mmCIF file of all heavy atoms, coordinates in Angstrom:
data_MODEL
# 
_entry.id   MODEL 
# 
loop_
_atom_site.group_PDB 
_atom_site.id 
_atom_site.type_symbol 
_atom_site.label_atom_id 
_atom_site.label_alt_id 
_atom_site.label_comp_id 
_atom_site.label_asym_id 
_atom_site.label_entity_id 
_atom_site.label_seq_id 
_atom_site.pdbx_PDB_ins_code 
_atom_site.Cartn_x 
_atom_site.Cartn_y 
_atom_site.Cartn_z 
_atom_site.occupancy 
_atom_site.B_iso_or_equiv 
_atom_site.pdbx_formal_charge 
_atom_site.auth_seq_id 
_atom_site.auth_comp_id 
_atom_site.auth_asym_id 
_atom_site.auth_atom_id 
_atom_site.pdbx_PDB_model_num 
ATOM 1   N N   . ASP A 1 1  ? 126.692 187.924 220.893 1.00 0.00 ? 1  ASP A N   1 
ATOM 2   C CA  . ASP A 1 1  ? 126.510 188.135 219.465 1.00 0.00 ? 1  ASP A CA  1 
ATOM 3   C C   . ASP A 1 1  ? 127.535 187.271 218.744 1.00 0.00 ? 1  ASP A C   1 
ATOM 4   O O   . ASP A 1 1  ? 128.698 187.649 218.608 1.00 0.00 ? 1  ASP A O   1 
ATOM 5   C CB  . ASP A 1 1  ? 126.681 189.608 219.106 1.00 0.00 ? 1  ASP A CB  1 
ATOM 6   C CG  . ASP A 1 1  ? 126.317 189.896 217.662 1.00 0.00 ? 1  ASP A CG  1 
ATOM 7   O OD1 . ASP A 1 1  ? 126.364 188.984 216.823 1.00 0.00 ? 1  ASP A OD1 1 
ATOM 8   O OD2 . ASP A 1 1  ? 125.981 191.062 217.369 1.00 0.00 ? 1  ASP A OD2 1 
ATOM 9   N N   . ASN A 1 2  ? 127.115 186.101 218.290 1.00 0.00 ? 2  ASN A N   1 
ATOM 10  C CA  . ASN A 1 2  ? 128.038 185.173 217.647 1.00 0.00 ? 2  ASN A CA  1 
ATOM 11  C C   . ASN A 1 2  ? 128.606 185.735 216.342 1.00 0.00 ? 2  ASN A C   1 
ATOM 12  O O   . ASN A 1 2  ? 129.762 185.478 216.006 1.00 0.00 ? 2  ASN A O   1 
ATOM 13  C CB  . ASN A 1 2  ? 127.352 183.838 217.379 1.00 0.00 ? 2  ASN A CB  1 
ATOM 14  C CG  . ASN A 1 2  ? 127.099 183.038 218.637 1.00 0.00 ? 2  ASN A CG  1 
ATOM 15  O OD1 . ASN A 1 2  ? 127.641 183.329 219.700 1.00 0.00 ? 2  ASN A OD1 1 
ATOM 16  N ND2 . ASN A 1 2  ? 126.260 182.017 218.526 1.00 0.00 ? 2  ASN A ND2 1 
ATOM 17  N N   . ALA A 1 3  ? 127.801 186.475 215.607 1.00 0.00 ? 3  ALA A N   1 
ATOM 18  C CA  . ALA A 1 3  ? 128.249 187.027 214.336 1.00 0.00 ? 3  ALA A CA  1 
ATOM 19  C C   . ALA A 1 3  ? 129.399 188.005 214.519 1.00 0.00 ? 3  ALA A C   1 
ATOM 20  O O   . ALA A 1 3  ? 130.277 188.104 213.661 1.00 0.00 ? 3  ALA A O   1 
ATOM 21  C CB  . ALA A 1 3  ? 127.087 187.701 213.616 1.00 0.00 ? 3  ALA A CB  1 
ATOM 22  N N   . ARG A 1 4  ? 129.398 188.736 215.614 1.00 0.00 ? 4  ARG A N   1 
ATOM 23  C CA  . ARG A 1 4  ? 130.452 189.704 215.908 1.00 0.00 ? 4  ARG A CA  1 
ATOM 24  C C   . ARG A 1 4  ? 131.515 189.145 216.853 1.00 0.00 ? 4  ARG A C   1 
ATOM 25  O O   . ARG A 1 4  ? 132.446 189.865 217.203 1.00 0.00 ? 4  ARG A O   1 
ATOM 26  C CB  . ARG A 1 4  ? 129.855 190.971 216.507 1.00 0.00 ? 4  ARG A CB  1 
ATOM 27  C CG  . ARG A 1 4  ? 128.982 191.759 215.556 1.00 0.00 ? 4  ARG A CG  1 
ATOM 28  C CD  . ARG A 1 4  ? 128.433 193.010 216.212 1.00 0.00 ? 4  ARG A CD  1 
ATOM 29  N NE  . ARG A 1 4  ? 127.626 193.799 215.296 1.00 0.00 ? 4  ARG A NE  1 
ATOM 30  C CZ  . ARG A 1 4  ? 128.094 194.740 214.501 1.00 0.00 ? 4  ARG A CZ  1 
ATOM 31  N NH1 . ARG A 1 4  ? 129.391 195.033 214.508 1.00 0.00 ? 4  ARG A NH1 1 
ATOM 32  N NH2 . ARG A 1 4  ? 127.287 195.403 213.698 1.00 0.00 ? 4  ARG A NH2 1 
ATOM 33  N N   . ASN A 1 5  ? 131.360 187.896 217.256 1.00 0.00 ? 5  ASN A N   1 
ATOM 34  C CA  . ASN A 1 5  ? 132.283 187.275 218.207 1.00 0.00 ? 5  ASN A CA  1 
ATOM 35  C C   . ASN A 1 5  ? 132.459 188.134 219.455 1.00 0.00 ? 5  ASN A C   1 
ATOM 36  O O   . ASN A 1 5  ? 133.573 188.314 219.957 1.00 0.00 ? 5  ASN A O   1 
ATOM 37  C CB  . ASN A 1 5  ? 133.640 187.000 217.554 1.00 0.00 ? 5  ASN A CB  1 
ATOM 38  C CG  . ASN A 1 5  ? 133.584 185.876 216.538 1.00 0.00 ? 5  ASN A CG  1 
ATOM 39  O OD1 . ASN A 1 5  ? 132.817 184.923 216.696 1.00 0.00 ? 5  ASN A OD1 1 
ATOM 40  N ND2 . ASN A 1 5  ? 134.391 185.969 215.503 1.00 0.00 ? 5  ASN A ND2 1 
ATOM 41  N N   . THR A 1 6  ? 131.344 188.636 219.956 1.00 0.00 ? 6  THR A N   1 
ATOM 42  C CA  . THR A 1 6  ? 131.391 189.577 221.065 1.00 0.00 ? 6  THR A CA  1 
ATOM 43  C C   . THR A 1 6  ? 130.379 189.201 222.139 1.00 0.00 ? 6  THR A C   1 
ATOM 44  O O   . THR A 1 6  ? 129.232 188.862 221.837 1.00 0.00 ? 6  THR A O   1 
ATOM 45  C CB  . THR A 1 6  ? 131.123 191.007 220.589 1.00 0.00 ? 6  THR A CB  1 
ATOM 46  O OG1 . THR A 1 6  ? 132.081 191.352 219.581 1.00 0.00 ? 6  THR A OG1 1 
ATOM 47  C CG2 . THR A 1 6  ? 131.245 191.994 221.735 1.00 0.00 ? 6  THR A CG2 1 
ATOM 48  N N   . LEU A 1 7  ? 130.818 189.274 223.369 1.00 0.00 ? 7  LEU A N   1 
ATOM 49  C CA  . LEU A 1 7  ? 129.973 189.101 224.542 1.00 0.00 ? 7  LEU A CA  1 
ATOM 50  C C   . LEU A 1 7  ? 129.805 190.455 225.213 1.00 0.00 ? 7  LEU A C   1 
ATOM 51  O O   . LEU A 1 7  ? 130.767 191.210 225.344 1.00 0.00 ? 7  LEU A O   1 
ATOM 52  C CB  . LEU A 1 7  ? 130.611 188.109 225.515 1.00 0.00 ? 7  LEU A CB  1 
ATOM 53  C CG  . LEU A 1 7  ? 129.815 187.761 226.762 1.00 0.00 ? 7  LEU A CG  1 
ATOM 54  C CD1 . LEU A 1 7  ? 128.658 186.828 226.418 1.00 0.00 ? 7  LEU A CD1 1 
ATOM 55  C CD2 . LEU A 1 7  ? 130.723 187.126 227.815 1.00 0.00 ? 7  LEU A CD2 1 
ATOM 56  N N   . TYR A 1 8  ? 128.599 190.757 225.660 1.00 0.00 ? 8  TYR A N   1 
ATOM 57  C CA  . TYR A 1 8  ? 128.307 192.042 226.284 1.00 0.00 ? 8  TYR A CA  1 
ATOM 58  C C   . TYR A 1 8  ? 127.779 191.847 227.702 1.00 0.00 ? 8  TYR A C   1 
ATOM 59  O O   . TYR A 1 8  ? 127.163 190.840 228.027 1.00 0.00 ? 8  TYR A O   1 
ATOM 60  C CB  . TYR A 1 8  ? 127.251 192.813 225.490 1.00 0.00 ? 8  TYR A CB  1 
ATOM 61  C CG  . TYR A 1 8  ? 127.623 193.103 224.067 1.00 0.00 ? 8  TYR A CG  1 
ATOM 62  C CD1 . TYR A 1 8  ? 127.195 192.272 223.036 1.00 0.00 ? 8  TYR A CD1 1 
ATOM 63  C CD2 . TYR A 1 8  ? 128.401 194.207 223.743 1.00 0.00 ? 8  TYR A CD2 1 
ATOM 64  C CE1 . TYR A 1 8  ? 127.524 192.534 221.724 1.00 0.00 ? 8  TYR A CE1 1 
ATOM 65  C CE2 . TYR A 1 8  ? 128.735 194.474 222.433 1.00 0.00 ? 8  TYR A CE2 1 
ATOM 66  C CZ  . TYR A 1 8  ? 128.298 193.641 221.426 1.00 0.00 ? 8  TYR A CZ  1 
ATOM 67  O OH  . TYR A 1 8  ? 128.624 193.904 220.123 1.00 0.00 ? 8  TYR A OH  1 
ATOM 68  N N   . LEU A 1 9  ? 128.006 192.855 228.512 1.00 0.00 ? 9  LEU A N   1 
ATOM 69  C CA  . LEU A 1 9  ? 127.365 192.949 229.813 1.00 0.00 ? 9  LEU A CA  1 
ATOM 70  C C   . LEU A 1 9  ? 126.804 194.357 229.950 1.00 0.00 ? 9  LEU A C   1 
ATOM 71  O O   . LEU A 1 9  ? 127.558 195.324 230.061 1.00 0.00 ? 9  LEU A O   1 
ATOM 72  C CB  . LEU A 1 9  ? 128.346 192.651 230.957 1.00 0.00 ? 9  LEU A CB  1 
ATOM 73  C CG  . LEU A 1 9  ? 127.723 192.638 232.349 1.00 0.00 ? 9  LEU A CG  1 
ATOM 74  C CD1 . LEU A 1 9  ? 126.753 191.462 232.496 1.00 0.00 ? 9  LEU A CD1 1 
ATOM 75  C CD2 . LEU A 1 9  ? 128.799 192.578 233.433 1.00 0.00 ? 9  LEU A CD2 1 
ATOM 76  N N   . GLN A 1 10 ? 125.499 194.458 229.924 1.00 0.00 ? 10 GLN A N   1 
ATOM 77  C CA  . GLN A 1 10 ? 124.813 195.730 230.092 1.00 0.00 ? 10 GLN A CA  1 
ATOM 78  C C   . GLN A 1 10 ? 124.510 195.915 231.573 1.00 0.00 ? 10 GLN A C   1 
ATOM 79  O O   . GLN A 1 10 ? 123.819 195.095 232.173 1.00 0.00 ? 10 GLN A O   1 
ATOM 80  C CB  . GLN A 1 10 ? 123.537 195.758 229.254 1.00 0.00 ? 10 GLN A CB  1 
ATOM 81  C CG  . GLN A 1 10 ? 123.779 195.613 227.763 1.00 0.00 ? 10 GLN A CG  1 
ATOM 82  C CD  . GLN A 1 10 ? 122.501 195.454 226.964 1.00 0.00 ? 10 GLN A CD  1 
ATOM 83  O OE1 . GLN A 1 10 ? 121.499 194.949 227.457 1.00 0.00 ? 10 GLN A OE1 1 
ATOM 84  N NE2 . GLN A 1 10 ? 122.547 195.886 225.707 1.00 0.00 ? 10 GLN A NE2 1 
ATOM 85  N N   . MET A 1 11 ? 125.012 196.984 232.142 1.00 0.00 ? 11 MET A N   1 
ATOM 86  C CA  . MET A 1 11 ? 124.888 197.235 233.568 1.00 0.00 ? 11 MET A CA  1 
ATOM 87  C C   . MET A 1 11 ? 124.134 198.537 233.795 1.00 0.00 ? 11 MET A C   1 
ATOM 88  O O   . MET A 1 11 ? 124.494 199.573 233.240 1.00 0.00 ? 11 MET A O   1 
ATOM 89  C CB  . MET A 1 11 ? 126.263 197.307 234.231 1.00 0.00 ? 11 MET A CB  1 
ATOM 90  C CG  . MET A 1 11 ? 127.131 196.082 233.975 1.00 0.00 ? 11 MET A CG  1 
ATOM 91  S SD  . MET A 1 11 ? 128.706 196.165 234.863 1.00 0.00 ? 11 MET A SD  1 
ATOM 92  C CE  . MET A 1 11 ? 129.465 197.559 234.033 1.00 0.00 ? 11 MET A CE  1 
ATOM 93  N N   . SER A 1 12 ? 123.118 198.486 234.613 1.00 0.00 ? 12 SER A N   1 
ATOM 94  C CA  . SER A 1 12 ? 122.343 199.662 234.962 1.00 0.00 ? 12 SER A CA  1 
ATOM 95  C C   . SER A 1 12 ? 122.139 199.709 236.469 1.00 0.00 ? 12 SER A C   1 
ATOM 96  O O   . SER A 1 12 ? 122.408 198.740 237.174 1.00 0.00 ? 12 SER A O   1 
ATOM 97  C CB  . SER A 1 12 ? 120.999 199.667 234.234 1.00 0.00 ? 12 SER A CB  1 
ATOM 98  O OG  . SER A 1 12 ? 120.204 198.562 234.627 1.00 0.00 ? 12 SER A OG  1 
ATOM 99  N N   . SER A 1 13 ? 121.653 200.855 236.941 1.00 0.00 ? 13 SER A N   1 
ATOM 100 C CA  . SER A 1 13 ? 121.441 201.050 238.373 1.00 0.00 ? 13 SER A CA  1 
ATOM 101 C C   . SER A 1 13 ? 122.673 200.649 239.175 1.00 0.00 ? 13 SER A C   1 
ATOM 102 O O   . SER A 1 13 ? 122.585 199.956 240.195 1.00 0.00 ? 13 SER A O   1 
ATOM 103 C CB  . SER A 1 13 ? 120.214 200.262 238.847 1.00 0.00 ? 13 SER A CB  1 
ATOM 104 O OG  . SER A 1 13 ? 119.051 200.652 238.140 1.00 0.00 ? 13 SER A OG  1 
ATOM 105 N N   . LEU A 1 14 ? 123.812 201.090 238.710 1.00 0.00 ? 14 LEU A N   1 
ATOM 106 C CA  . LEU A 1 14 ? 125.071 200.688 239.329 1.00 0.00 ? 14 LEU A CA  1 
ATOM 107 C C   . LEU A 1 14 ? 125.190 201.214 240.751 1.00 0.00 ? 14 LEU A C   1 
ATOM 108 O O   . LEU A 1 14 ? 124.722 202.310 241.071 1.00 0.00 ? 14 LEU A O   1 
ATOM 109 C CB  . LEU A 1 14 ? 126.245 201.164 238.489 1.00 0.00 ? 14 LEU A CB  1 
ATOM 110 C CG  . LEU A 1 14 ? 126.481 200.343 237.217 1.00 0.00 ? 14 LEU A CG  1 
ATOM 111 C CD1 . LEU A 1 14 ? 127.354 201.106 236.236 1.00 0.00 ? 14 LEU A CD1 1 
ATOM 112 C CD2 . LEU A 1 14 ? 127.118 199.002 237.572 1.00 0.00 ? 14 LEU A CD2 1 
ATOM 113 N N   . LYS A 1 15 ? 125.822 200.409 241.581 1.00 0.00 ? 15 LYS A N   1 
ATOM 114 C CA  . LYS A 1 15 ? 126.037 200.721 242.984 1.00 0.00 ? 15 LYS A CA  1 
ATOM 115 C C   . LYS A 1 15 ? 127.533 200.730 243.278 1.00 0.00 ? 15 LYS A C   1 
ATOM 116 O O   . LYS A 1 15 ? 128.306 200.079 242.587 1.00 0.00 ? 15 LYS A O   1 
ATOM 117 C CB  . LYS A 1 15 ? 125.355 199.676 243.873 1.00 0.00 ? 15 LYS A CB  1 
ATOM 118 C CG  . LYS A 1 15 ? 123.876 199.470 243.599 1.00 0.00 ? 15 LYS A CG  1 
ATOM 119 C CD  . LYS A 1 15 ? 123.335 198.318 244.429 1.00 0.00 ? 15 LYS A CD  1 
ATOM 120 C CE  . LYS A 1 15 ? 121.860 198.092 244.158 1.00 0.00 ? 15 LYS A CE  1 
ATOM 121 N NZ  . LYS A 1 15 ? 121.320 196.958 244.957 1.00 0.00 ? 15 LYS A NZ  1 
ATOM 122 N N   . PRO A 1 16 ? 127.942 201.446 244.319 1.00 0.00 ? 16 PRO A N   1 
ATOM 123 C CA  . PRO A 1 16 ? 129.363 201.431 244.675 1.00 0.00 ? 16 PRO A CA  1 
ATOM 124 C C   . PRO A 1 16 ? 129.914 200.023 244.891 1.00 0.00 ? 16 PRO A C   1 
ATOM 125 O O   . PRO A 1 16 ? 131.081 199.772 244.572 1.00 0.00 ? 16 PRO A O   1 
ATOM 126 C CB  . PRO A 1 16 ? 129.401 202.249 245.971 1.00 0.00 ? 16 PRO A CB  1 
ATOM 127 C CG  . PRO A 1 16 ? 128.264 203.202 245.821 1.00 0.00 ? 16 PRO A CG  1 
ATOM 128 C CD  . PRO A 1 16 ? 127.188 202.419 245.128 1.00 0.00 ? 16 PRO A CD  1 
ATOM 129 N N   . GLU A 1 17 ? 129.111 199.112 245.392 1.00 0.00 ? 17 GLU A N   1 
ATOM 130 C CA  . GLU A 1 17 ? 129.566 197.750 245.613 1.00 0.00 ? 17 GLU A CA  1 
ATOM 131 C C   . GLU A 1 17 ? 129.787 196.966 244.325 1.00 0.00 ? 17 GLU A C   1 
ATOM 132 O O   . GLU A 1 17 ? 130.302 195.846 244.359 1.00 0.00 ? 17 GLU A O   1 
ATOM 133 C CB  . GLU A 1 17 ? 128.606 196.981 246.535 1.00 0.00 ? 17 GLU A CB  1 
ATOM 134 C CG  . GLU A 1 17 ? 127.151 197.075 246.127 1.00 0.00 ? 17 GLU A CG  1 
ATOM 135 C CD  . GLU A 1 17 ? 126.389 198.139 246.895 1.00 0.00 ? 17 GLU A CD  1 
ATOM 136 O OE1 . GLU A 1 17 ? 126.912 199.259 247.047 1.00 0.00 ? 17 GLU A OE1 1 
ATOM 137 O OE2 . GLU A 1 17 ? 125.267 197.845 247.358 1.00 0.00 ? 17 GLU A OE2 1 
ATOM 138 N N   . ASP A 1 18 ? 129.403 197.530 243.176 1.00 0.00 ? 18 ASP A N   1 
ATOM 139 C CA  . ASP A 1 18 ? 129.709 196.926 241.889 1.00 0.00 ? 18 ASP A CA  1 
ATOM 140 C C   . ASP A 1 18 ? 131.133 197.231 241.438 1.00 0.00 ? 18 ASP A C   1 
ATOM 141 O O   . ASP A 1 18 ? 131.589 196.676 240.429 1.00 0.00 ? 18 ASP A O   1 
ATOM 142 C CB  . ASP A 1 18 ? 128.734 197.412 240.815 1.00 0.00 ? 18 ASP A CB  1 
ATOM 143 C CG  . ASP A 1 18 ? 127.308 196.951 241.064 1.00 0.00 ? 18 ASP A CG  1 
ATOM 144 O OD1 . ASP A 1 18 ? 127.113 195.785 241.457 1.00 0.00 ? 18 ASP A OD1 1 
ATOM 145 O OD2 . ASP A 1 18 ? 126.388 197.762 240.851 1.00 0.00 ? 18 ASP A OD2 1 
ATOM 146 N N   . THR A 1 19 ? 131.815 198.112 242.134 1.00 0.00 ? 19 THR A N   1 
ATOM 147 C CA  . THR A 1 19 ? 133.181 198.473 241.781 1.00 0.00 ? 19 THR A CA  1 
ATOM 148 C C   . THR A 1 19 ? 134.086 197.250 241.829 1.00 0.00 ? 19 THR A C   1 
ATOM 149 O O   . THR A 1 19 ? 134.170 196.567 242.848 1.00 0.00 ? 19 THR A O   1 
ATOM 150 C CB  . THR A 1 19 ? 133.709 199.550 242.726 1.00 0.00 ? 19 THR A CB  1 
ATOM 151 O OG1 . THR A 1 19 ? 132.939 200.741 242.560 1.00 0.00 ? 19 THR A OG1 1 
ATOM 152 C CG2 . THR A 1 19 ? 135.174 199.855 242.440 1.00 0.00 ? 19 THR A CG2 1 
ATOM 153 N N   . ALA A 1 20 ? 134.763 196.970 240.715 1.00 0.00 ? 20 ALA A N   1 
ATOM 154 C CA  . ALA A 1 20 ? 135.619 195.793 240.618 1.00 0.00 ? 20 ALA A CA  1 
ATOM 155 C C   . ALA A 1 20 ? 136.289 195.766 239.252 1.00 0.00 ? 20 ALA A C   1 
ATOM 156 O O   . ALA A 1 20 ? 135.932 196.531 238.349 1.00 0.00 ? 20 ALA A O   1 
ATOM 157 C CB  . ALA A 1 20 ? 134.805 194.509 240.809 1.00 0.00 ? 20 ALA A CB  1 
ATOM 158 N N   . MET A 1 21 ? 137.254 194.867 239.112 1.00 0.00 ? 21 MET A N   1 
ATOM 159 C CA  . MET A 1 21 ? 137.773 194.518 237.807 1.00 0.00 ? 21 MET A CA  1 
ATOM 160 C C   . MET A 1 21 ? 136.860 193.443 237.230 1.00 0.00 ? 21 MET A C   1 
ATOM 161 O O   . MET A 1 21 ? 136.611 192.425 237.887 1.00 0.00 ? 21 MET A O   1 
ATOM 162 C CB  . MET A 1 21 ? 139.205 194.016 237.904 1.00 0.00 ? 21 MET A CB  1 
ATOM 163 C CG  . MET A 1 21 ? 139.856 193.714 236.570 1.00 0.00 ? 21 MET A CG  1 
ATOM 164 S SD  . MET A 1 21 ? 140.275 195.205 235.625 1.00 0.00 ? 21 MET A SD  1 
ATOM 165 C CE  . MET A 1 21 ? 141.720 195.768 236.540 1.00 0.00 ? 21 MET A CE  1 
ATOM 166 N N   . TYR A 1 22 ? 136.372 193.662 236.033 1.00 0.00 ? 22 TYR A N   1 
ATOM 167 C CA  . TYR A 1 22 ? 135.461 192.729 235.391 1.00 0.00 ? 22 TYR A CA  1 
ATOM 168 C C   . TYR A 1 22 ? 136.181 191.937 234.311 1.00 0.00 ? 22 TYR A C   1 
ATOM 169 O O   . TYR A 1 22 ? 136.866 192.510 233.462 1.00 0.00 ? 22 TYR A O   1 
ATOM 170 C CB  . TYR A 1 22 ? 134.271 193.476 234.785 1.00 0.00 ? 22 TYR A CB  1 
ATOM 171 C CG  . TYR A 1 22 ? 133.254 193.891 235.818 1.00 0.00 ? 22 TYR A CG  1 
ATOM 172 C CD1 . TYR A 1 22 ? 133.529 194.912 236.716 1.00 0.00 ? 22 TYR A CD1 1 
ATOM 173 C CD2 . TYR A 1 22 ? 132.019 193.245 235.910 1.00 0.00 ? 22 TYR A CD2 1 
ATOM 174 C CE1 . TYR A 1 22 ? 132.614 195.284 237.679 1.00 0.00 ? 22 TYR A CE1 1 
ATOM 175 C CE2 . TYR A 1 22 ? 131.096 193.615 236.866 1.00 0.00 ? 22 TYR A CE2 1 
ATOM 176 C CZ  . TYR A 1 22 ? 131.395 194.635 237.750 1.00 0.00 ? 22 TYR A CZ  1 
ATOM 177 O OH  . TYR A 1 22 ? 130.473 195.000 238.701 1.00 0.00 ? 22 TYR A OH  1 
ATOM 178 N N   . TYR A 1 23 ? 136.001 190.621 234.338 1.00 0.00 ? 23 TYR A N   1 
ATOM 179 C CA  . TYR A 1 23 ? 136.679 189.715 233.431 1.00 0.00 ? 23 TYR A CA  1 
ATOM 180 C C   . TYR A 1 23 ? 135.680 188.946 232.575 1.00 0.00 ? 23 TYR A C   1 
ATOM 181 O O   . TYR A 1 23 ? 134.643 188.493 233.073 1.00 0.00 ? 23 TYR A O   1 
ATOM 182 C CB  . TYR A 1 23 ? 137.526 188.697 234.198 1.00 0.00 ? 23 TYR A CB  1 
ATOM 183 C CG  . TYR A 1 23 ? 138.628 189.298 235.027 1.00 0.00 ? 23 TYR A CG  1 
ATOM 184 C CD1 . TYR A 1 23 ? 138.405 189.661 236.346 1.00 0.00 ? 23 TYR A CD1 1 
ATOM 185 C CD2 . TYR A 1 23 ? 139.894 189.497 234.491 1.00 0.00 ? 23 TYR A CD2 1 
ATOM 186 C CE1 . TYR A 1 23 ? 139.413 190.207 237.118 1.00 0.00 ? 23 TYR A CE1 1 
ATOM 187 C CE2 . TYR A 1 23 ? 140.907 190.040 235.254 1.00 0.00 ? 23 TYR A CE2 1 
ATOM 188 C CZ  . TYR A 1 23 ? 140.664 190.391 236.566 1.00 0.00 ? 23 TYR A CZ  1 
ATOM 189 O OH  . TYR A 1 23 ? 141.660 190.928 237.336 1.00 0.00 ? 23 TYR A OH  1 
ATOM 190 N N   . CYS A 1 24 ? 136.019 188.790 231.330 1.00 0.00 ? 24 CYS A N   1 
ATOM 191 C CA  . CYS A 1 24 ? 135.286 187.939 230.415 1.00 0.00 ? 24 CYS A CA  1 
ATOM 192 C C   . CYS A 1 24 ? 135.941 186.563 230.410 1.00 0.00 ? 24 CYS A C   1 
ATOM 193 O O   . CYS A 1 24 ? 137.163 186.447 230.480 1.00 0.00 ? 24 CYS A O   1 
ATOM 194 C CB  . CYS A 1 24 ? 135.311 188.548 229.017 1.00 0.00 ? 24 CYS A CB  1 
ATOM 195 S SG  . CYS A 1 24 ? 134.563 187.553 227.720 1.00 0.00 ? 24 CYS A SG  1 
ATOM 196 N N   . ALA A 1 25 ? 135.135 185.510 230.333 1.00 0.00 ? 25 ALA A N   1 
ATOM 197 C CA  . ALA A 1 25 ? 135.669 184.160 230.343 1.00 0.00 ? 25 ALA A CA  1 
ATOM 198 C C   . ALA A 1 25 ? 134.840 183.244 229.453 1.00 0.00 ? 25 ALA A C   1 
ATOM 199 O O   . ALA A 1 25 ? 133.671 183.515 229.179 1.00 0.00 ? 25 ALA A O   1 
ATOM 200 C CB  . ALA A 1 25 ? 135.698 183.608 231.771 1.00 0.00 ? 25 ALA A CB  1 
ATOM 201 N N   . ALA A 1 26 ? 135.459 182.141 229.032 1.00 0.00 ? 26 ALA A N   1 
ATOM 202 C CA  . ALA A 1 26 ? 134.793 181.189 228.150 1.00 0.00 ? 26 ALA A CA  1 
ATOM 203 C C   . ALA A 1 26 ? 135.271 179.783 228.444 1.00 0.00 ? 26 ALA A C   1 
ATOM 204 O O   . ALA A 1 26 ? 136.362 179.578 228.977 1.00 0.00 ? 26 ALA A O   1 
ATOM 205 C CB  . ALA A 1 26 ? 135.057 181.542 226.690 1.00 0.00 ? 26 ALA A CB  1 
ATOM 206 N N   . THR A 1 27 ? 134.447 178.802 228.070 1.00 0.00 ? 27 THR A N   1 
ATOM 207 C CA  . THR A 1 27 ? 134.804 177.408 228.258 1.00 0.00 ? 27 THR A CA  1 
ATOM 208 C C   . THR A 1 27 ? 134.084 176.539 227.243 1.00 0.00 ? 27 THR A C   1 
ATOM 209 O O   . THR A 1 27 ? 132.987 176.878 226.793 1.00 0.00 ? 27 THR A O   1 
ATOM 210 C CB  . THR A 1 27 ? 134.480 176.933 229.685 1.00 0.00 ? 27 THR A CB  1 
ATOM 211 O OG1 . THR A 1 27 ? 134.924 175.579 229.847 1.00 0.00 ? 27 THR A OG1 1 
ATOM 212 C CG2 . THR A 1 27 ? 132.980 176.982 229.948 1.00 0.00 ? 27 THR A CG2 1 
ATOM 213 N N   . THR A 1 28 ? 134.720 175.440 226.887 1.00 0.00 ? 28 THR A N   1 
ATOM 214 C CA  . THR A 1 28 ? 134.079 174.435 226.055 1.00 0.00 ? 28 THR A CA  1 
ATOM 215 C C   . THR A 1 28 ? 133.475 173.326 226.906 1.00 0.00 ? 28 THR A C   1 
ATOM 216 O O   . THR A 1 28 ? 132.861 172.409 226.371 1.00 0.00 ? 28 THR A O   1 
ATOM 217 C CB  . THR A 1 28 ? 135.075 173.823 225.062 1.00 0.00 ? 28 THR A CB  1 
ATOM 218 O OG1 . THR A 1 28 ? 136.202 173.285 225.770 1.00 0.00 ? 28 THR A OG1 1 
ATOM 219 C CG2 . THR A 1 28 ? 135.561 174.870 224.074 1.00 0.00 ? 28 THR A CG2 1 
ATOM 220 N N   . ARG A 1 29 ? 133.651 173.411 228.199 1.00 0.00 ? 29 ARG A N   1 
ATOM 221 C CA  . ARG A 1 29 ? 133.101 172.442 229.131 1.00 0.00 ? 29 ARG A CA  1 
ATOM 222 C C   . ARG A 1 29 ? 131.640 172.756 229.421 1.00 0.00 ? 29 ARG A C   1 
ATOM 223 O O   . ARG A 1 29 ? 131.124 173.807 229.047 1.00 0.00 ? 29 ARG A O   1 
ATOM 224 C CB  . ARG A 1 29 ? 133.925 172.436 230.420 1.00 0.00 ? 29 ARG A CB  1 
ATOM 225 C CG  . ARG A 1 29 ? 135.389 172.120 230.198 1.00 0.00 ? 29 ARG A CG  1 
ATOM 226 C CD  . ARG A 1 29 ? 136.230 172.397 231.410 1.00 0.00 ? 29 ARG A CD  1 
ATOM 227 N NE  . ARG A 1 29 ? 135.877 171.534 232.531 1.00 0.00 ? 29 ARG A NE  1 
ATOM 228 C CZ  . ARG A 1 29 ? 136.521 171.522 233.696 1.00 0.00 ? 29 ARG A CZ  1 
ATOM 229 N NH1 . ARG A 1 29 ? 137.557 172.329 233.881 1.00 0.00 ? 29 ARG A NH1 1 
ATOM 230 N NH2 . ARG A 1 29 ? 136.122 170.714 234.661 1.00 0.00 ? 29 ARG A NH2 1 
# 
């Protein structure tokens, strides 16, 4: 959402193997 300067990750049907630290990242490349 560029207007809100926000990136989202919608996660469903989560599994134990999804357990982790989640990081947001960006690049101009």
